Amino acid sequence: ASGLTFSVYAMGWFRQAPGMKREFVSAIGWNG
């Protein structure tokens, strides 16, 4: 990440397979 104050953001991972909706994979809170 760049251009933001990373430490105040929670971060997530999503995935999307062909023809499918975007799916939640994982997330981590701002403090880990």
All heavy atoms as atom14 arrays in JSON, in Angstrom:
{
  "sequence": "ASGLTFSVYAMGWFRQAPGMKREFVSAIGWNG",
  "atom14_mask": [
    [1, 1, 1, 1, 1, 0, 0, 0, 0, 0, 0, 0, 0, 0],
    [1, 1, 1, 1, 1, 1, 0, 0, 0, 0, 0, 0, 0, 0],
    [1, 1, 1, 1, 0, 0, 0, 0, 0, 0, 0, 0, 0, 0],
    [1, 1, 1, 1, 1, 1, 1, 1, 0, 0, 0, 0, 0, 0],
    [1, 1, 1, 1, 1, 1, 1, 0, 0, 0, 0, 0, 0, 0],
    [1, 1, 1, 1, 1, 1, 1, 1, 1, 1, 1, 0, 0, 0],
    [1, 1, 1, 1, 1, 1, 0, 0, 0, 0, 0, 0, 0, 0],
    [1, 1, 1, 1, 1, 1, 1, 0, 0, 0, 0, 0, 0, 0],
    [1, 1, 1, 1, 1, 1, 1, 1, 1, 1, 1, 1, 0, 0],
    [1, 1, 1, 1, 1, 0, 0, 0, 0, 0, 0, 0, 0, 0],
    [1, 1, 1, 1, 1, 1, 1, 1, 0, 0, 0, 0, 0, 0],
    [1, 1, 1, 1, 0, 0, 0, 0, 0, 0, 0, 0, 0, 0],
    [1, 1, 1, 1, 1, 1, 1, 1, 1, 1, 1, 1, 1, 1],
    [1, 1, 1, 1, 1, 1, 1, 1, 1, 1, 1, 0, 0, 0],
    [1, 1, 1, 1, 1, 1, 1, 1, 1, 1, 1, 0, 0, 0],
    [1, 1, 1, 1, 1, 1, 1, 1, 1, 0, 0, 0, 0, 0],
    [1, 1, 1, 1, 1, 0, 0, 0, 0, 0, 0, 0, 0, 0],
    [1, 1, 1, 1, 1, 1, 1, 0, 0, 0, 0, 0, 0, 0],
    [1, 1, 1, 1, 0, 0, 0, 0, 0, 0, 0, 0, 0, 0],
    [1, 1, 1, 1, 1, 1, 1, 1, 0, 0, 0, 0, 0, 0],
    [1, 1, 1, 1, 1, 1, 1, 1, 1, 0, 0, 0, 0, 0],
    [1, 1, 1, 1, 1, 1, 1, 1, 1, 1, 1, 0, 0, 0],
    [1, 1, 1, 1, 1, 1, 1, 1, 1, 0, 0, 0, 0, 0],
    [1, 1, 1, 1, 1, 1, 1, 1, 1, 1, 1, 0, 0, 0],
    [1, 1, 1, 1, 1, 1, 1, 0, 0, 0, 0, 0, 0, 0],
    [1, 1, 1, 1, 1, 1, 0, 0, 0, 0, 0, 0, 0, 0],
    [1, 1, 1, 1, 1, 0, 0, 0, 0, 0, 0, 0, 0, 0],
    [1, 1, 1, 1, 1, 1, 1, 1, 0, 0, 0, 0, 0, 0],
    [1, 1, 1, 1, 0, 0, 0, 0, 0, 0, 0, 0, 0, 0],
    [1, 1, 1, 1, 1, 1, 1, 1, 1, 1, 1, 1, 1, 1],
    [1, 1, 1, 1, 1, 1, 1, 1, 0, 0, 0, 0, 0, 0],
    [1, 1, 1, 1, 0, 0, 0, 0, 0, 0, 0, 0, 0, 0]
  ],
  "atom14_positions": [
    [[0.83, -1.2, 0.0], [0.0, 0.0, 0.0], [0.87, 1.25, 0.0], [1.93, 1.28, 0.62], [-0.91, 0.0, 1.22], [0.0, 0.0, 0.0], [0.0, 0.0, 0.0], [0.0, 0.0, 0.0], [0.0, 0.0, 0.0], [0.0, 0.0, 0.0], [0.0, 0.0, 0.0], [0.0, 0.0, 0.0], [0.0, 0.0, 0.0], [0.0, 0.0, 0.0]],
    [[0.4, 2.26, -0.69], [1.06, 3.56, -0.68], [0.0, 4.64, -0.79], [-1.13, 4.4, -1.23], [2.07, 3.68, -1.82], [1.42, 3.54, -3.07], [0.0, 0.0, 0.0], [0.0, 0.0, 0.0], [0.0, 0.0, 0.0], [0.0, 0.0, 0.0], [0.0, 0.0, 0.0], [0.0, 0.0, 0.0], [0.0, 0.0, 0.0], [0.0, 0.0, 0.0]],
    [[0.38, 5.87, -0.37], [-0.55, 6.99, -0.48], [-1.65, 7.01, 0.55], [-2.62, 7.77, 0.4], [0.0, 0.0, 0.0], [0.0, 0.0, 0.0], [0.0, 0.0, 0.0], [0.0, 0.0, 0.0], [0.0, 0.0, 0.0], [0.0, 0.0, 0.0], [0.0, 0.0, 0.0], [0.0, 0.0, 0.0], [0.0, 0.0, 0.0], [0.0, 0.0, 0.0]],
    [[-1.55, 6.2, 1.57], [-2.52, 6.21, 2.67], [-1.8, 5.88, 3.96], [-0.69, 5.34, 3.95], [-3.66, 5.22, 2.4], [-3.34, 3.76, 2.1], [-3.03, 2.97, 3.36], [-4.5, 3.09, 1.37], [0.0, 0.0, 0.0], [0.0, 0.0, 0.0], [0.0, 0.0, 0.0], [0.0, 0.0, 0.0], [0.0, 0.0, 0.0], [0.0, 0.0, 0.0]],
    [[-2.44, 6.23, 5.07], [-1.87, 5.92, 6.38], [-2.25, 4.48, 6.7], [-3.31, 4.19, 7.26], [-2.4, 6.88, 7.44], [-2.13, 8.23, 7.02], [-1.72, 6.63, 8.78], [0.0, 0.0, 0.0], [0.0, 0.0, 0.0], [0.0, 0.0, 0.0], [0.0, 0.0, 0.0], [0.0, 0.0, 0.0], [0.0, 0.0, 0.0], [0.0, 0.0, 0.0]],
    [[-1.38, 3.59, 6.34], [-1.69, 2.16, 6.36], [-2.17, 1.68, 7.72], [-3.1, 0.86, 7.81], [-0.43, 1.39, 5.94], [-0.62, -0.1, 5.79], [-1.32, -0.61, 4.71], [-0.07, -0.97, 6.71], [-1.48, -1.98, 4.55], [-0.22, -2.34, 6.58], [-0.93, -2.85, 5.49], [0.0, 0.0, 0.0], [0.0, 0.0, 0.0], [0.0, 0.0, 0.0]],
    [[-1.61, 2.22, 8.78], [-1.88, 1.71, 10.12], [-3.3, 1.98, 10.61], [-3.71, 1.41, 11.62], [-0.88, 2.29, 11.11], [-0.99, 3.7, 11.14], [0.0, 0.0, 0.0], [0.0, 0.0, 0.0], [0.0, 0.0, 0.0], [0.0, 0.0, 0.0], [0.0, 0.0, 0.0], [0.0, 0.0, 0.0], [0.0, 0.0, 0.0], [0.0, 0.0, 0.0]],
    [[-4.06, 2.83, 9.91], [-5.43, 3.08, 10.34], [-6.46, 2.41, 9.42], [-7.64, 2.71, 9.47], [-5.74, 4.59, 10.46], [-4.86, 5.22, 11.52], [-5.6, 5.3, 9.12], [0.0, 0.0, 0.0], [0.0, 0.0, 0.0], [0.0, 0.0, 0.0], [0.0, 0.0, 0.0], [0.0, 0.0, 0.0], [0.0, 0.0, 0.0], [0.0, 0.0, 0.0]],
    [[-5.96, 1.54, 8.58], [-6.85, 0.81, 7.68], [-6.85, -0.68, 8.01], [-5.79, -1.28, 8.21], [-6.41, 0.99, 6.22], [-6.81, 2.32, 5.64], [-6.03, 3.44, 5.86], [-7.99, 2.45, 4.91], [-6.41, 4.67, 5.35], [-8.37, 3.68, 4.39], [-7.57, 4.78, 4.62], [-7.95, 6.0, 4.11], [0.0, 0.0, 0.0], [0.0, 0.0, 0.0]],
    [[-8.04, -1.24, 8.06], [-8.17, -2.69, 8.03], [-7.97, -3.11, 6.57], [-8.29, -2.35, 5.65], [-9.53, -3.13, 8.53], [0.0, 0.0, 0.0], [0.0, 0.0, 0.0], [0.0, 0.0, 0.0], [0.0, 0.0, 0.0], [0.0, 0.0, 0.0], [0.0, 0.0, 0.0], [0.0, 0.0, 0.0], [0.0, 0.0, 0.0], [0.0, 0.0, 0.0]],
    [[-7.45, -4.3, 6.38], [-7.14, -4.77, 5.04], [-7.87, -6.08, 4.76], [-7.96, -6.95, 5.63], [-5.64, -4.98, 4.89], [-4.81, -3.72, 5.13], [-5.16, -2.41, 3.96], [-4.59, -3.16, 2.42], [0.0, 0.0, 0.0], [0.0, 0.0, 0.0], [0.0, 0.0, 0.0], [0.0, 0.0, 0.0], [0.0, 0.0, 0.0], [0.0, 0.0, 0.0]],
    [[-8.35, -6.2, 3.55], [-9.08, -7.41, 3.19], [-8.57, -8.02, 1.89], [-7.93, -7.36, 1.08], [0.0, 0.0, 0.0], [0.0, 0.0, 0.0], [0.0, 0.0, 0.0], [0.0, 0.0, 0.0], [0.0, 0.0, 0.0], [0.0, 0.0, 0.0], [0.0, 0.0, 0.0], [0.0, 0.0, 0.0], [0.0, 0.0, 0.0], [0.0, 0.0, 0.0]],
    [[-8.87, -9.29, 1.74], [-8.63, -10.02, 0.49], [-9.97, -10.57, -0.01], [-10.72, -11.17, 0.77], [-7.66, -11.17, 0.69], [-6.23, -10.77, 0.88], [-5.57, -10.63, 2.06], [-5.28, -10.48, -0.14], [-4.28, -10.26, 1.84], [-4.06, -10.17, 0.49], [-5.33, -10.46, -1.54], [-2.9, -9.83, -0.22], [-4.19, -10.13, -2.25], [-2.99, -9.82, -1.59]],
    [[-10.22, -10.38, -1.27], [-11.39, -10.94, -1.93], [-10.91, -11.7, -3.17], [-9.78, -11.49, -3.63], [-12.36, -9.83, -2.36], [-13.06, -9.17, -1.21], [-12.41, -8.23, -0.41], [-14.38, -9.48, -0.92], [-13.06, -7.62, 0.65], [-15.05, -8.87, 0.14], [-14.38, -7.95, 0.92], [0.0, 0.0, 0.0], [0.0, 0.0, 0.0], [0.0, 0.0, 0.0]],
    [[-11.76, -12.52, -3.7], [-11.42, -13.21, -4.94], [-12.64, -13.31, -5.82], [-13.78, -13.29, -5.34], [-10.84, -14.59, -4.66], [-11.82, -15.59, -4.06], [-11.09, -16.87, -3.69], [-12.01, -17.87, -3.15], [-11.62, -19.04, -2.66], [-10.32, -19.34, -2.61], [-12.51, -19.9, -2.2], [0.0, 0.0, 0.0], [0.0, 0.0, 0.0], [0.0, 0.0, 0.0]],
    [[-12.36, -13.42, -7.11], [-13.45, -13.54, -8.08], [-13.05, -14.53, -9.16], [-12.07, -14.32, -9.87], [-13.79, -12.18, -8.69], [-15.06, -12.21, -9.53], [-15.56, -10.82, -9.86], [-14.82, -9.84, -9.83], [-16.84, -10.71, -10.17], [0.0, 0.0, 0.0], [0.0, 0.0, 0.0], [0.0, 0.0, 0.0], [0.0, 0.0, 0.0], [0.0, 0.0, 0.0]],
    [[-13.82, -15.58, -9.25], [-13.62, -16.57, -10.31], [-14.49, -16.19, -11.51], [-15.48, -15.46, -11.34], [-14.0, -17.95, -9.79], [0.0, 0.0, 0.0], [0.0, 0.0, 0.0], [0.0, 0.0, 0.0], [0.0, 0.0, 0.0], [0.0, 0.0, 0.0], [0.0, 0.0, 0.0], [0.0, 0.0, 0.0], [0.0, 0.0, 0.0], [0.0, 0.0, 0.0]],
    [[-14.16, -16.67, -12.68], [-14.94, -16.32, -13.88], [-16.42, -16.66, -13.72], [-16.78, -17.77, -13.31], [-14.3, -17.17, -14.97], [-12.9, -17.39, -14.51], [-12.99, -17.5, -13.02], [0.0, 0.0, 0.0], [0.0, 0.0, 0.0], [0.0, 0.0, 0.0], [0.0, 0.0, 0.0], [0.0, 0.0, 0.0], [0.0, 0.0, 0.0], [0.0, 0.0, 0.0]],
    [[-17.27, -15.68, -14.0], [-18.7, -15.9, -13.92], [-19.28, -15.92, -12.52], [-20.47, -16.19, -12.35], [0.0, 0.0, 0.0], [0.0, 0.0, 0.0], [0.0, 0.0, 0.0], [0.0, 0.0, 0.0], [0.0, 0.0, 0.0], [0.0, 0.0, 0.0], [0.0, 0.0, 0.0], [0.0, 0.0, 0.0], [0.0, 0.0, 0.0], [0.0, 0.0, 0.0]],
    [[-18.45, -15.63, -11.54], [-18.9, -15.7, -10.15], [-18.86, -14.31, -9.51], [-18.18, -13.41, -9.98], [-17.99, -16.64, -9.35], [-17.87, -18.03, -9.92], [-19.4, -18.96, -9.8], [-19.41, -19.32, -8.05], [0.0, 0.0, 0.0], [0.0, 0.0, 0.0], [0.0, 0.0, 0.0], [0.0, 0.0, 0.0], [0.0, 0.0, 0.0], [0.0, 0.0, 0.0]],
    [[-19.59, -14.17, -8.42], [-19.54, -12.93, -7.65], [-18.22, -12.85, -6.9], [-17.59, -13.87, -6.62], [-20.69, -12.9, -6.63], [-22.05, -12.68, -7.21], [-23.12, -12.8, -6.14], [-22.84, -11.92, -4.94], [-23.92, -12.0, -3.94], [0.0, 0.0, 0.0], [0.0, 0.0, 0.0], [0.0, 0.0, 0.0], [0.0, 0.0, 0.0], [0.0, 0.0, 0.0]],
    [[-17.82, -11.63, -6.57], [-16.62, -11.46, -5.77], [-16.89, -12.02, -4.37], [-17.93, -11.75, -3.77], [-16.23, -9.99, -5.71], [-14.86, -9.74, -5.14], [-14.24, -8.47, -5.68], [-15.09, -7.3, -5.54], [-14.79, -6.11, -6.04], [-13.68, -5.94, -6.72], [-15.61, -5.1, -5.86], [0.0, 0.0, 0.0], [0.0, 0.0, 0.0], [0.0, 0.0, 0.0]],
    [[-15.94, -12.77, -3.86], [-16.11, -13.51, -2.61], [-15.12, -13.02, -1.56], [-13.93, -12.83, -1.85], [-15.86, -15.01, -2.88], [-15.87, -15.9, -1.67], [-15.39, -17.31, -1.96], [-14.77, -17.52, -3.02], [-15.62, -18.2, -1.12], [0.0, 0.0, 0.0], [0.0, 0.0, 0.0], [0.0, 0.0, 0.0], [0.0, 0.0, 0.0], [0.0, 0.0, 0.0]],
    [[-15.6, -12.85, -0.35], [-14.73, -12.49, 0.77], [-13.8, -13.67, 1.09], [-14.26, -14.8, 1.21], [-15.55, -12.14, 1.99], [-14.75, -11.96, 3.24], [-14.0, -10.8, 3.43], [-14.71, -12.93, 4.22], [-13.25, -10.62, 4.58], [-13.97, -12.77, 5.36], [-13.23, -11.62, 5.55], [0.0, 0.0, 0.0], [0.0, 0.0, 0.0], [0.0, 0.0, 0.0]],
    [[-12.52, -13.38, 1.24], [-11.54, -14.4, 1.59], [-11.06, -14.21, 3.02], [-11.13, -15.13, 3.85], [-10.34, -14.36, 0.62], [-9.26, -15.34, 1.07], [-10.8, -14.67, -0.8], [0.0, 0.0, 0.0], [0.0, 0.0, 0.0], [0.0, 0.0, 0.0], [0.0, 0.0, 0.0], [0.0, 0.0, 0.0], [0.0, 0.0, 0.0], [0.0, 0.0, 0.0]],
    [[-10.57, -13.01, 3.32], [-9.98, -12.78, 4.64], [-9.83, -11.3, 4.87], [-9.82, -10.51, 3.93], [-8.61, -13.48, 4.71], [-8.03, -13.34, 6.0], [0.0, 0.0, 0.0], [0.0, 0.0, 0.0], [0.0, 0.0, 0.0], [0.0, 0.0, 0.0], [0.0, 0.0, 0.0], [0.0, 0.0, 0.0], [0.0, 0.0, 0.0], [0.0, 0.0, 0.0]],
    [[-9.71, -10.92, 6.15], [-9.45, -9.53, 6.5], [-8.7, -9.5, 7.81], [-8.77, -10.44, 8.61], [-10.75, -8.72, 6.59], [0.0, 0.0, 0.0], [0.0, 0.0, 0.0], [0.0, 0.0, 0.0], [0.0, 0.0, 0.0], [0.0, 0.0, 0.0], [0.0, 0.0, 0.0], [0.0, 0.0, 0.0], [0.0, 0.0, 0.0], [0.0, 0.0, 0.0]],
    [[-8.01, -8.38, 8.02], [-7.25, -8.19, 9.26], [-7.5, -6.78, 9.75], [-7.52, -5.82, 8.96], [-5.75, -8.47, 9.03], [-4.97, -8.42, 10.34], [-5.16, -7.53, 7.98], [-3.56, -9.0, 10.21], [0.0, 0.0, 0.0], [0.0, 0.0, 0.0], [0.0, 0.0, 0.0], [0.0, 0.0, 0.0], [0.0, 0.0, 0.0], [0.0, 0.0, 0.0]],
    [[-7.7, -6.65, 11.04], [-7.98, -5.36, 11.61], [-6.81, -4.4, 11.53], [-5.68, -4.79, 11.24], [0.0, 0.0, 0.0], [0.0, 0.0, 0.0], [0.0, 0.0, 0.0], [0.0, 0.0, 0.0], [0.0, 0.0, 0.0], [0.0, 0.0, 0.0], [0.0, 0.0, 0.0], [0.0, 0.0, 0.0], [0.0, 0.0, 0.0], [0.0, 0.0, 0.0]],
    [[-7.09, -3.12, 11.8], [-6.06, -2.09, 11.65], [-4.85, -2.35, 12.54], [-3.72, -2.01, 12.19], [-6.65, -0.71, 11.96], [-7.1, -0.58, 13.39], [-8.31, -0.94, 13.91], [-6.34, -0.05, 14.48], [-8.35, -0.67, 15.25], [-7.17, -0.12, 15.63], [-5.06, 0.48, 14.6], [-6.73, 0.32, 16.88], [-4.62, 0.92, 15.84], [-5.47, 0.83, 16.95]],
    [[-5.07, -2.98, 13.69], [-3.95, -3.23, 14.6], [-3.43, -4.67, 14.52], [-2.57, -5.06, 15.28], [-4.34, -2.91, 16.04], [-5.5, -3.75, 16.52], [-5.96, -4.65, 15.82], [-5.98, -3.47, 17.72], [0.0, 0.0, 0.0], [0.0, 0.0, 0.0], [0.0, 0.0, 0.0], [0.0, 0.0, 0.0], [0.0, 0.0, 0.0], [0.0, 0.0, 0.0]],
    [[-3.98, -5.44, 13.6], [-3.49, -6.8, 13.39], [-3.99, -7.82, 14.39], [-3.65, -9.0, 14.29], [0.0, 0.0, 0.0], [0.0, 0.0, 0.0], [0.0, 0.0, 0.0], [0.0, 0.0, 0.0], [0.0, 0.0, 0.0], [0.0, 0.0, 0.0], [0.0, 0.0, 0.0], [0.0, 0.0, 0.0], [0.0, 0.0, 0.0], [0.0, 0.0, 0.0]]
  ]
}
